[in-house]
Structures are given as C-alpha cells and as structure tokens.
C-alpha cells in the first residue's frame, strides 16, 4: 500500500478516508507499475476511483504516439482534460499546450487526432469506466433520462512571471452548478488560495510548471492536488522557481450522471 495525505492507494486506486484532507501527488512519486501501455501509447495513473469505491477522484496522463486517433465518444461523468504536451486536432479544432476541455457527463466529443503525438491530464471526481464509443452506444445515449450535454474549451496562456500571485478566471468555464477554472501565475514563494471547494463537486489544482510547497516539502510539476467539497479552500504556496498552473472546480451533478450505460469499449485507449 502507498499512503499519501491519509488517502489509501494500491497501484493507483484510491478510496476516501474517514477524515477529509487534501490529496497531493507529484509525478516524481509514481511507481513504474502506475504506467501501463495502451493501444495508442501509455496511461500513467496518479490516483483512481474504482467500481467498488466510485466516489473518489481520478487523475491520469494519457499519452498518444504520433498519429494516434480516437473516435467520437463520451463519458458517464463530468471531466476535465488538459493537453500538457504535443499537439493535434480535438474535433474540428487544432489544439496544443494547455488546451483545456470540459465535458458534462454523456456529452459526445471528438474525434481526437494526435498528429504529432500529445499527452493530456484527465481529471474527474467519480469513477469513470472509460470512453463510450458514440457509434456503438448512440441509441443508449439517447435513452438516458435528464441528459444535459454541454462542453467548453479554451487554450490557457501564461504571461511573464508577476511580482506576486496572479489568478485569472478562464472563460467560458462557468455555469450555475459551480464549474470554474482559474489560471495561476505565481512568483517564487508567493501565496494564493483556491476557490471554495463546497461550490462544486471536487476541486483540482494542477501544477504545470515550477513547484508547490506543501507539508514542508517541494512538490515539483507535474503535481495534482484534489480537495473534496467538504474541505476548506487550499493554501497555494509557490516554490522557489514560482508556479504556473490551474485551479479546476467540477460542477455539482445529479446522481444519474454517474450511471454507466454500457460496456467500456475503449478502456485501454482513452479513459
């Protein structure tokens, strides 16, 4: 067993403890078995909910080799994706570094084409069985009650490092359920605070460059922080090289948004 911040893991799986505390995991902490090969490249899991423990967060990096393609599909949970390396096409759009995409549960998107290869960080706050192929699951998708499809995307840019901490709202990630995204651009040793996790259904901090000081040590990029809705806002303390990153709050959702509607036909390709 691997233990970080009172969350319990085994090969990337996690379950929520009795007392809520922030979960902080840096890529440099991961063990070799947390990276597995897929038909398109590799998948590196920071932490993951499971079918037996569905109400926990999932964070992983999906890496596609050049020319990797994934058909139009959807997921059964709300999900953020951030391209952290490479470029390609996301649906009809050319995308690259720090392209951020949010999709509500049961919202089809794609196809995805990693023409030159890419890596993306995927974040959700409940168990996700993986991408459901639209072509084979369309009839079941249309029968899903109370489906409310919606998606938004934006490429985030970071200006020169400020003297203090710069926090900017990223449009158009706003709805009446608590959805929000903020960009962080922080000078060395500066501080900021996240939005209130209680506004949504799980809050992530993605440290993309620099590092995060927490628990009396430095967590270098790439680091992922997760807070449950019943936790307090998180104190973000930039490391000695500063910090660039994102604060991403998933929206509150209906329980039906976590219901699986069929087999996961693409679990090894894009989860």
C-alpha atoms as a PDB file:
ATOM      1  CA  UNK A   1       0.000   0.000   0.000  1.00  0.00           C
ATOM      2  CA  UNK A   2       1.128   3.528  -0.803  1.00  0.00           C
ATOM      3  CA  UNK A   3      -0.182   6.231   1.552  1.00  0.00           C
ATOM      4  CA  UNK A   4      -0.230   9.972   0.828  1.00  0.00           C
ATOM      5  CA  UNK A   5      -2.169  12.557   2.841  1.00  0.00           C
ATOM      6  CA  UNK A   6      -4.441   9.980   4.504  1.00  0.00           C
ATOM      7  CA  UNK A   7      -5.757   8.664   1.182  1.00  0.00           C
ATOM      8  CA  UNK A   8      -5.118   4.981   0.561  1.00  0.00           C
ATOM      9  CA  UNK A   9      -3.767   3.644  -2.745  1.00  0.00           C
ATOM     10  CA  UNK A  10      -2.902   0.374  -4.385  1.00  0.00           C
ATOM     11  CA  UNK A  11      -1.442   0.648  -7.898  1.00  0.00           C
ATOM     12  CA  UNK A  12      -3.159   3.998  -8.424  1.00  0.00           C
ATOM     13  CA  UNK A  13      -6.571   3.087  -6.962  1.00  0.00           C
ATOM     14  CA  UNK A  14      -7.817   5.172  -4.068  1.00  0.00           C
ATOM     15  CA  UNK A  15     -10.575   5.261  -1.537  1.00  0.00           C
ATOM     16  CA  UNK A  16     -11.698   8.166   0.567  1.00  0.00           C
ATOM     17  CA  UNK A  17     -10.651   8.241   4.216  1.00  0.00           C
ATOM     18  CA  UNK A  18     -12.974   8.947   7.118  1.00  0.00           C
ATOM     19  CA  UNK A  19     -11.488  12.431   7.584  1.00  0.00           C
ATOM     20  CA  UNK A  20     -11.223  14.630   4.513  1.00  0.00           C
ATOM     21  CA  UNK A  21      -7.765  16.023   3.829  1.00  0.00           C
ATOM     22  CA  UNK A  22      -6.120  17.324   0.644  1.00  0.00           C
ATOM     23  CA  UNK A  23      -4.621  14.720  -1.653  1.00  0.00           C
ATOM     24  CA  UNK A  24      -1.271  15.789  -3.153  1.00  0.00           C
ATOM     25  CA  UNK A  25       0.572  13.589  -5.647  1.00  0.00           C
ATOM     26  CA  UNK A  26       3.593  14.537  -7.761  1.00  0.00           C
ATOM     27  CA  UNK A  27       4.542  12.641 -10.901  1.00  0.00           C
ATOM     28  CA  UNK A  28       8.000  12.012  -9.455  1.00  0.00           C
ATOM     29  CA  UNK A  29       6.361   9.964  -6.658  1.00  0.00           C
ATOM     30  CA  UNK A  30       4.740   7.480  -9.022  1.00  0.00           C
ATOM     31  CA  UNK A  31       5.912   3.888  -9.265  1.00  0.00           C
ATOM     32  CA  UNK A  32       6.690   2.161 -12.578  1.00  0.00           C
ATOM     33  CA  UNK A  33       3.574  -0.023 -12.343  1.00  0.00           C
ATOM     34  CA  UNK A  34       1.408   3.099 -12.411  1.00  0.00           C
ATOM     35  CA  UNK A  35       2.262   3.489 -16.110  1.00  0.00           C
ATOM     36  CA  UNK A  36       0.768   0.927 -18.489  1.00  0.00           C
ATOM     37  CA  UNK A  37       0.828   0.590 -22.254  1.00  0.00           C
ATOM     38  CA  UNK A  38      -2.311   1.228 -24.304  1.00  0.00           C
ATOM     39  CA  UNK A  39      -3.023   0.728 -27.983  1.00  0.00           C
ATOM     40  CA  UNK A  40      -2.312   4.436 -28.537  1.00  0.00           C
ATOM     41  CA  UNK A  41       0.622   4.991 -26.178  1.00  0.00           C
ATOM     42  CA  UNK A  42       0.669   4.909 -22.377  1.00  0.00           C
ATOM     43  CA  UNK A  43      -1.528   5.735 -19.391  1.00  0.00           C
ATOM     44  CA  UNK A  44       0.034   6.996 -16.143  1.00  0.00           C
ATOM     45  CA  UNK A  45      -2.319   6.990 -13.162  1.00  0.00           C
ATOM     46  CA  UNK A  46      -1.785   9.384 -10.256  1.00  0.00           C
ATOM     47  CA  UNK A  47      -4.830   8.065  -8.384  1.00  0.00           C
ATOM     48  CA  UNK A  48      -8.091   6.459  -9.399  1.00  0.00           C
ATOM     49  CA  UNK A  49     -11.539   5.648  -8.056  1.00  0.00           C
ATOM     50  CA  UNK A  50     -12.845   2.128  -8.664  1.00  0.00           C
ATOM     51  CA  UNK A  51     -16.124   0.388  -9.367  1.00  0.00           C
ATOM     52  CA  UNK A  52     -16.208  -0.714  -5.720  1.00  0.00           C
ATOM     53  CA  UNK A  53     -15.326   2.776  -4.442  1.00  0.00           C
ATOM     54  CA  UNK A  54     -16.848   5.097  -7.076  1.00  0.00           C
ATOM     55  CA  UNK A  55     -16.964   8.334  -5.069  1.00  0.00           C
ATOM     56  CA  UNK A  56     -13.285   9.165  -5.275  1.00  0.00           C
ATOM     57  CA  UNK A  57     -11.174  11.228  -7.665  1.00  0.00           C
ATOM     58  CA  UNK A  58      -9.264  10.090 -10.733  1.00  0.00           C
ATOM     59  CA  UNK A  59      -6.240  11.765 -12.292  1.00  0.00           C
ATOM     60  CA  UNK A  60      -4.110  10.289 -15.071  1.00  0.00           C
ATOM     61  CA  UNK A  61      -1.918  11.269 -18.016  1.00  0.00           C
ATOM     62  CA  UNK A  62      -2.892   9.764 -21.342  1.00  0.00           C
ATOM     63  CA  UNK A  63      -0.038   9.767 -23.858  1.00  0.00           C
ATOM     64  CA  UNK A  64      -0.720   9.218 -27.571  1.00  0.00           C
ATOM     65  CA  UNK A  65       2.012   8.320 -30.029  1.00  0.00           C
ATOM     66  CA  UNK A  66       2.209  10.419 -33.234  1.00  0.00           C
ATOM     67  CA  UNK A  67      -0.734   9.607 -35.477  1.00  0.00           C
ATOM     68  CA  UNK A  68      -2.869   8.256 -32.638  1.00  0.00           C
ATOM     69  CA  UNK A  69      -6.605   8.593 -33.256  1.00  0.00           C
ATOM     70  CA  UNK A  70      -9.661   8.103 -31.059  1.00  0.00           C
ATOM     71  CA  UNK A  71     -13.213   8.114 -32.386  1.00  0.00           C
ATOM     72  CA  UNK A  72     -16.032  10.355 -31.158  1.00  0.00           C
ATOM     73  CA  UNK A  73     -17.134   9.207 -27.702  1.00  0.00           C
ATOM     74  CA  UNK A  74     -18.496  10.316 -24.344  1.00  0.00           C
ATOM     75  CA  UNK A  75     -18.020   9.621 -20.651  1.00  0.00           C
ATOM     76  CA  UNK A  76     -20.522   8.930 -17.887  1.00  0.00           C
ATOM     77  CA  UNK A  77     -19.026  11.545 -15.532  1.00  0.00           C
ATOM     78  CA  UNK A  78     -18.080  15.204 -15.790  1.00  0.00           C
ATOM     79  CA  UNK A  79     -14.448  15.508 -16.832  1.00  0.00           C
ATOM     80  CA  UNK A  80     -11.611  17.972 -17.413  1.00  0.00           C
ATOM     81  CA  UNK A  81      -8.794  17.332 -19.876  1.00  0.00           C
ATOM     82  CA  UNK A  82      -5.650  19.463 -20.261  1.00  0.00           C
ATOM     83  CA  UNK A  83      -3.103  18.968 -23.019  1.00  0.00           C
ATOM     84  CA  UNK A  84       0.278  19.210 -21.291  1.00  0.00           C
ATOM     85  CA  UNK A  85       2.495  18.314 -24.248  1.00  0.00           C
ATOM     86  CA  UNK A  86       2.219  17.978 -28.034  1.00  0.00           C
ATOM     87  CA  UNK A  87      -0.494  19.000 -30.477  1.00  0.00           C
ATOM     88  CA  UNK A  88      -3.192  17.670 -32.774  1.00  0.00           C
ATOM     89  CA  UNK A  89      -6.888  18.046 -33.518  1.00  0.00           C
ATOM     90  CA  UNK A  90      -9.697  17.924 -30.997  1.00  0.00           C
ATOM     91  CA  UNK A  91     -12.872  17.583 -33.024  1.00  0.00           C
ATOM     92  CA  UNK A  92     -12.612  20.335 -35.637  1.00  0.00           C
ATOM     93  CA  UNK A  93     -10.071  22.405 -33.697  1.00  0.00           C
ATOM     94  CA  UNK A  94      -6.279  22.498 -33.863  1.00  0.00           C
ATOM     95  CA  UNK A  95      -5.018  22.321 -30.286  1.00  0.00           C
ATOM     96  CA  UNK A  96      -1.750  22.379 -28.399  1.00  0.00           C
ATOM     97  CA  UNK A  97      -0.187  23.003 -24.988  1.00  0.00           C
ATOM     98  CA  UNK A  98      -2.603  23.981 -22.214  1.00  0.00           C
ATOM     99  CA  UNK A  99      -5.748  23.410 -24.205  1.00  0.00           C
ATOM    100  CA  UNK A 100      -8.393  22.849 -21.502  1.00  0.00           C
ATOM    101  CA  UNK A 101     -11.592  20.939 -22.254  1.00  0.00           C
ATOM    102  CA  UNK A 102     -14.582  20.296 -20.007  1.00  0.00           C
ATOM    103  CA  UNK A 103     -17.439  17.966 -20.900  1.00  0.00           C
ATOM    104  CA  UNK A 104     -20.503  17.158 -18.861  1.00  0.00           C
ATOM    105  CA  UNK A 105     -21.445  13.527 -18.432  1.00  0.00           C
ATOM    106  CA  UNK A 106     -22.960  11.980 -21.576  1.00  0.00           C
ATOM    107  CA  UNK A 107     -21.670  14.766 -23.835  1.00  0.00           C
ATOM    108  CA  UNK A 108     -20.184  13.376 -27.082  1.00  0.00           C
ATOM    109  CA  UNK A 109     -16.949  14.943 -28.344  1.00  0.00           C
ATOM    110  CA  UNK A 110     -14.156  14.133 -30.769  1.00  0.00           C
ATOM    111  CA  UNK A 111     -12.766  12.568 -32.802  1.00  0.00           C
ATOM    112  CA  UNK A 112      -9.262  13.079 -31.430  1.00  0.00           C
ATOM    113  CA  UNK A 113      -6.180  13.063 -33.648  1.00  0.00           C
ATOM    114  CA  UNK A 114      -2.734  13.363 -32.085  1.00  0.00           C
ATOM    115  CA  UNK A 115      -0.978  14.109 -35.361  1.00  0.00           C
ATOM    116  CA  UNK A 116       2.390  14.809 -33.732  1.00  0.00           C
ATOM    117  CA  UNK A 117       1.672  12.971 -30.507  1.00  0.00           C
ATOM    118  CA  UNK A 118       0.389  14.509 -27.277  1.00  0.00           C
ATOM    119  CA  UNK A 119      -0.105  13.986 -23.567  1.00  0.00           C
ATOM    120  CA  UNK A 120      -3.175  15.114 -21.668  1.00  0.00           C
ATOM    121  CA  UNK A 121      -4.100  15.248 -17.988  1.00  0.00           C
ATOM    122  CA  UNK A 122      -7.575  13.852 -17.307  1.00  0.00           C
ATOM    123  CA  UNK A 123      -9.436  14.775 -14.093  1.00  0.00           C
ATOM    124  CA  UNK A 124     -12.783  13.652 -12.661  1.00  0.00           C
ATOM    125  CA  UNK A 125     -14.217  13.290  -9.154  1.00  0.00           C
ATOM    126  CA  UNK A 126     -16.067   9.965  -9.563  1.00  0.00           C
ATOM    127  CA  UNK A 127     -15.378   6.576 -11.059  1.00  0.00           C
ATOM    128  CA  UNK A 128     -15.321   6.505 -14.869  1.00  0.00           C
ATOM    129  CA  UNK A 129     -15.345   3.186 -16.719  1.00  0.00           C
ATOM    130  CA  UNK A 130     -13.799   4.881 -19.762  1.00  0.00           C
ATOM    131  CA  UNK A 131     -14.786   6.372 -23.104  1.00  0.00           C
ATOM    132  CA  UNK A 132     -18.050   5.056 -24.594  1.00  0.00           C
ATOM    133  CA  UNK A 133     -17.871   4.840 -28.371  1.00  0.00           C
ATOM    134  CA  UNK A 134     -20.564   7.073 -29.872  1.00  0.00           C
ATOM    135  CA  UNK A 135     -21.202   4.904 -32.915  1.00  0.00           C
ATOM    136  CA  UNK A 136     -21.990   1.799 -30.870  1.00  0.00           C
ATOM    137  CA  UNK A 137     -23.632   3.491 -27.850  1.00  0.00           C
ATOM    138  CA  UNK A 138     -25.721   6.193 -29.568  1.00  0.00           C
ATOM    139  CA  UNK A 139     -29.101   4.517 -29.015  1.00  0.00           C
ATOM    140  CA  UNK A 140     -28.403   4.016 -25.318  1.00  0.00           C
ATOM    141  CA  UNK A 141     -27.160   7.594 -25.038  1.00  0.00           C
ATOM    142  CA  UNK A 142     -30.411   8.999 -26.439  1.00  0.00           C
ATOM    143  CA  UNK A 143     -32.412   6.956 -23.916  1.00  0.00           C
ATOM    144  CA  UNK A 144     -30.520   8.416 -20.938  1.00  0.00           C
ATOM    145  CA  UNK A 145     -33.014  10.425 -18.784  1.00  0.00           C
ATOM    146  CA  UNK A 146     -32.280  14.043 -17.829  1.00  0.00           C
ATOM    147  CA  UNK A 147     -29.205  14.201 -20.020  1.00  0.00           C
ATOM    148  CA  UNK A 148     -27.868  17.765 -20.237  1.00  0.00           C
ATOM    149  CA  UNK A 149     -24.975  17.728 -22.738  1.00  0.00           C
ATOM    150  CA  UNK A 150     -22.575  20.669 -22.738  1.00  0.00           C
ATOM    151  CA  UNK A 151     -18.868  21.246 -23.262  1.00  0.00           C
ATOM    152  CA  UNK A 152     -16.432  24.150 -23.249  1.00  0.00           C
ATOM    153  CA  UNK A 153     -12.783  24.628 -24.156  1.00  0.00           C
ATOM    154  CA  UNK A 154     -10.061  27.257 -24.108  1.00  0.00           C
ATOM    155  CA  UNK A 155      -6.301  27.498 -24.594  1.00  0.00           C
ATOM    156  CA  UNK A 156      -4.694  28.984 -21.473  1.00  0.00           C
ATOM    157  CA  UNK A 157      -1.646  31.210 -21.859  1.00  0.00           C
ATOM    158  CA  UNK A 158       0.732  32.393 -19.143  1.00  0.00           C
ATOM    159  CA  UNK A 159       2.339  35.838 -19.291  1.00  0.00           C
ATOM    160  CA  UNK A 160       5.699  36.740 -17.766  1.00  0.00           C
ATOM    161  CA  UNK A 161       6.053  35.802 -14.130  1.00  0.00           C
ATOM    162  CA  UNK A 162       4.470  38.514 -11.951  1.00  0.00           C
ATOM    163  CA  UNK A 163       5.920  40.019  -8.786  1.00  0.00           C
ATOM    164  CA  UNK A 164       3.245  38.376  -6.691  1.00  0.00           C
ATOM    165  CA  UNK A 165       0.448  35.943  -7.477  1.00  0.00           C
ATOM    166  CA  UNK A 166      -1.811  36.416 -10.494  1.00  0.00           C
ATOM    167  CA  UNK A 167      -5.126  34.499 -10.532  1.00  0.00           C
ATOM    168  CA  UNK A 168      -7.281  34.839 -13.644  1.00  0.00           C
ATOM    169  CA  UNK A 169     -10.721  33.418 -14.408  1.00  0.00           C
ATOM    170  CA  UNK A 170     -10.669  31.315 -17.569  1.00  0.00           C
ATOM    171  CA  UNK A 171     -13.747  31.728 -19.730  1.00  0.00           C
ATOM    172  CA  UNK A 172     -16.079  30.084 -20.692  1.00  0.00           C
ATOM    173  CA  UNK A 173     -15.875  27.641 -17.779  1.00  0.00           C
ATOM    174  CA  UNK A 174     -18.859  28.917 -15.807  1.00  0.00           C
ATOM    175  CA  UNK A 175     -22.285  27.512 -15.026  1.00  0.00           C
ATOM    176  CA  UNK A 176     -24.846  27.594 -12.225  1.00  0.00           C
ATOM    177  CA  UNK A 177     -23.517  24.344 -10.716  1.00  0.00           C
ATOM    178  CA  UNK A 178     -20.129  25.608  -9.535  1.00  0.00           C
ATOM    179  CA  UNK A 179     -17.983  24.962 -12.607  1.00  0.00           C
ATOM    180  CA  UNK A 180     -14.901  27.203 -12.719  1.00  0.00           C
ATOM    181  CA  UNK A 181     -11.301  27.347 -13.913  1.00  0.00           C
ATOM    182  CA  UNK A 182      -8.619  29.812 -12.812  1.00  0.00           C
ATOM    183  CA  UNK A 183      -5.089  30.151 -14.141  1.00  0.00           C
ATOM    184  CA  UNK A 184      -2.267  30.600 -11.640  1.00  0.00           C
ATOM    185  CA  UNK A 185       0.921  32.524 -12.386  1.00  0.00           C
ATOM    186  CA  UNK A 186       2.897  32.943  -9.183  1.00  0.00           C
ATOM    187  CA  UNK A 187       6.260  34.443  -8.303  1.00  0.00           C
ATOM    188  CA  UNK A 188       8.692  32.419  -6.173  1.00  0.00           C
ATOM    189  CA  UNK A 189       7.420  31.888  -2.612  1.00  0.00           C
ATOM    190  CA  UNK A 190       4.187  33.796  -3.248  1.00  0.00           C
ATOM    191  CA  UNK A 191       0.834  32.590  -1.950  1.00  0.00           C
ATOM    192  CA  UNK A 192      -2.748  32.363  -3.110  1.00  0.00           C
ATOM    193  CA  UNK A 193      -5.904  30.462  -2.127  1.00  0.00           C
ATOM    194  CA  UNK A 194      -8.242  28.306  -4.181  1.00  0.00           C
ATOM    195  CA  UNK A 195     -11.933  28.935  -4.587  1.00  0.00           C
ATOM    196  CA  UNK A 196     -14.242  27.252  -2.070  1.00  0.00           C
ATOM    197  CA  UNK A 197     -14.449  23.508  -2.863  1.00  0.00           C
ATOM    198  CA  UNK A 198     -18.004  23.481  -1.469  1.00  0.00           C
ATOM    199  CA  UNK A 199     -19.167  25.373  -4.566  1.00  0.00           C
ATOM    200  CA  UNK A 200     -18.677  22.286  -6.739  1.00  0.00           C
ATOM    201  CA  UNK A 201     -18.233  18.518  -6.758  1.00  0.00           C
ATOM    202  CA  UNK A 202     -14.476  18.260  -6.334  1.00  0.00           C
ATOM    203  CA  UNK A 203     -11.618  20.727  -6.844  1.00  0.00           C
ATOM    204  CA  UNK A 204      -8.258  20.051  -8.516  1.00  0.00           C
ATOM    205  CA  UNK A 205      -5.059  22.077  -8.591  1.00  0.00           C
ATOM    206  CA  UNK A 206      -2.760  21.143 -11.487  1.00  0.00           C
ATOM    207  CA  UNK A 207       0.815  22.391 -11.056  1.00  0.00           C
ATOM    208  CA  UNK A 208       2.114  22.601 -14.628  1.00  0.00           C
ATOM    209  CA  UNK A 209       5.424  24.438 -14.127  1.00  0.00           C
ATOM    210  CA  UNK A 210       7.556  25.258 -11.102  1.00  0.00           C
ATOM    211  CA  UNK A 211       6.539  23.682  -7.847  1.00  0.00           C
ATOM    212  CA  UNK A 212       4.195  23.684  -4.852  1.00  0.00           C
ATOM    213  CA  UNK A 213       5.355  23.947  -1.237  1.00  0.00           C
ATOM    214  CA  UNK A 214       3.154  21.773   0.991  1.00  0.00           C
ATOM    215  CA  UNK A 215       3.781  19.690   4.104  1.00  0.00           C
ATOM    216  CA  UNK A 216       7.222  21.285   4.475  1.00  0.00           C
ATOM    217  CA  UNK A 217       8.499  19.990   1.142  1.00  0.00           C
ATOM    218  CA  UNK A 218       8.528  20.883  -2.539  1.00  0.00           C
ATOM    219  CA  UNK A 219       6.185  19.078  -4.939  1.00  0.00           C
ATOM    220  CA  UNK A 220       7.546  19.817  -8.432  1.00  0.00           C
ATOM    221  CA  UNK A 221       5.487  19.910 -11.609  1.00  0.00           C
ATOM    222  CA  UNK A 222       3.625  17.890 -12.620  1.00  0.00           C
ATOM    223  CA  UNK A 223       1.703  17.744  -9.327  1.00  0.00           C
ATOM    224  CA  UNK A 224      -2.026  17.195  -8.828  1.00  0.00           C
ATOM    225  CA  UNK A 225      -3.956  18.288  -5.725  1.00  0.00           C
ATOM    226  CA  UNK A 226      -7.519  17.171  -5.016  1.00  0.00           C
ATOM    227  CA  UNK A 227      -9.986  18.530  -2.440  1.00  0.00           C
ATOM    228  CA  UNK A 228     -13.434  17.157  -1.647  1.00  0.00           C
ATOM    229  CA  UNK A 229     -16.374  19.591  -1.387  1.00  0.00           C
ATOM    230  CA  UNK A 230     -16.317  19.381   2.427  1.00  0.00           C
ATOM    231  CA  UNK A 231     -12.731  20.634   2.699  1.00  0.00           C
ATOM    232  CA  UNK A 232     -11.574  24.185   3.229  1.00  0.00           C
ATOM    233  CA  UNK A 233     -10.002  26.282   0.488  1.00  0.00           C
ATOM    234  CA  UNK A 234      -6.411  25.227  -0.181  1.00  0.00           C
ATOM    235  CA  UNK A 235      -3.412  27.476   0.504  1.00  0.00           C
ATOM    236  CA  UNK A 236      -1.242  27.523  -2.635  1.00  0.00           C
ATOM    237  CA  UNK A 237       2.392  28.285  -1.777  1.00  0.00           C
ATOM    238  CA  UNK A 238       4.676  28.620  -4.801  1.00  0.00           C
ATOM    239  CA  UNK A 239       8.106  27.031  -4.665  1.00  0.00           C
ATOM    240  CA  UNK A 240      11.476  28.780  -5.195  1.00  0.00           C
ATOM    241  CA  UNK A 241      11.018  28.804  -9.010  1.00  0.00           C
ATOM    242  CA  UNK A 242       7.442  30.041  -8.873  1.00  0.00           C
ATOM    243  CA  UNK A 243       4.353  28.187 -10.067  1.00  0.00           C
ATOM    244  CA  UNK A 244       2.154  28.067 -13.139  1.00  0.00           C
ATOM    245  CA  UNK A 245      -0.976  26.001 -13.034  1.00  0.00           C
ATOM    246  CA  UNK A 246      -4.734  25.720 -12.959  1.00  0.00           C
ATOM    247  CA  UNK A 247      -7.478  25.510 -10.346  1.00  0.00           C
ATOM    248  CA  UNK A 248     -10.375  23.453 -11.708  1.00  0.00           C
ATOM    249  CA  UNK A 249     -13.661  23.030  -9.851  1.00  0.00           C
ATOM    250  CA  UNK A 250     -16.014  20.360 -11.195  1.00  0.00           C
ATOM    251  CA  UNK A 251     -19.722  21.241 -11.053  1.00  0.00           C
ATOM    252  CA  UNK A 252     -22.320  19.627  -8.844  1.00  0.00           C
ATOM    253  CA  UNK A 253     -24.166  16.917 -10.758  1.00  0.00           C
ATOM    254  CA  UNK A 254     -27.204  14.657 -10.484  1.00  0.00           C
ATOM    255  CA  UNK A 255     -26.626  11.100  -9.303  1.00  0.00           C
ATOM    256  CA  UNK A 256     -27.676   9.780 -12.711  1.00  0.00           C
ATOM    257  CA  UNK A 257     -24.559  11.346 -14.200  1.00  0.00           C
ATOM    258  CA  UNK A 258     -22.518   8.578 -12.616  1.00  0.00           C
ATOM    259  CA  UNK A 259     -24.558   5.707 -14.027  1.00  0.00           C
ATOM    260  CA  UNK A 260     -22.830   3.501 -16.587  1.00  0.00           C
ATOM    261  CA  UNK A 261     -24.898   2.766 -19.685  1.00  0.00           C
ATOM    262  CA  UNK A 262     -22.905   0.055 -21.333  1.00  0.00           C
ATOM    263  CA  UNK A 263     -19.581  -1.713 -21.755  1.00  0.00           C
ATOM    264  CA  UNK A 264     -16.400   0.293 -21.959  1.00  0.00           C
ATOM    265  CA  UNK A 265     -15.204  -0.394 -25.470  1.00  0.00           C
ATOM    266  CA  UNK A 266     -12.195   1.928 -25.310  1.00  0.00           C
ATOM    267  CA  UNK A 267     -10.872   1.420 -21.784  1.00  0.00           C
ATOM    268  CA  UNK A 268      -7.292   0.806 -22.955  1.00  0.00           C
ATOM    269  CA  UNK A 269      -7.199   3.766 -25.295  1.00  0.00           C
ATOM    270  CA  UNK A 270      -8.792   6.793 -23.697  1.00  0.00           C
ATOM    271  CA  UNK A 271     -10.304   6.639 -20.233  1.00  0.00           C
END
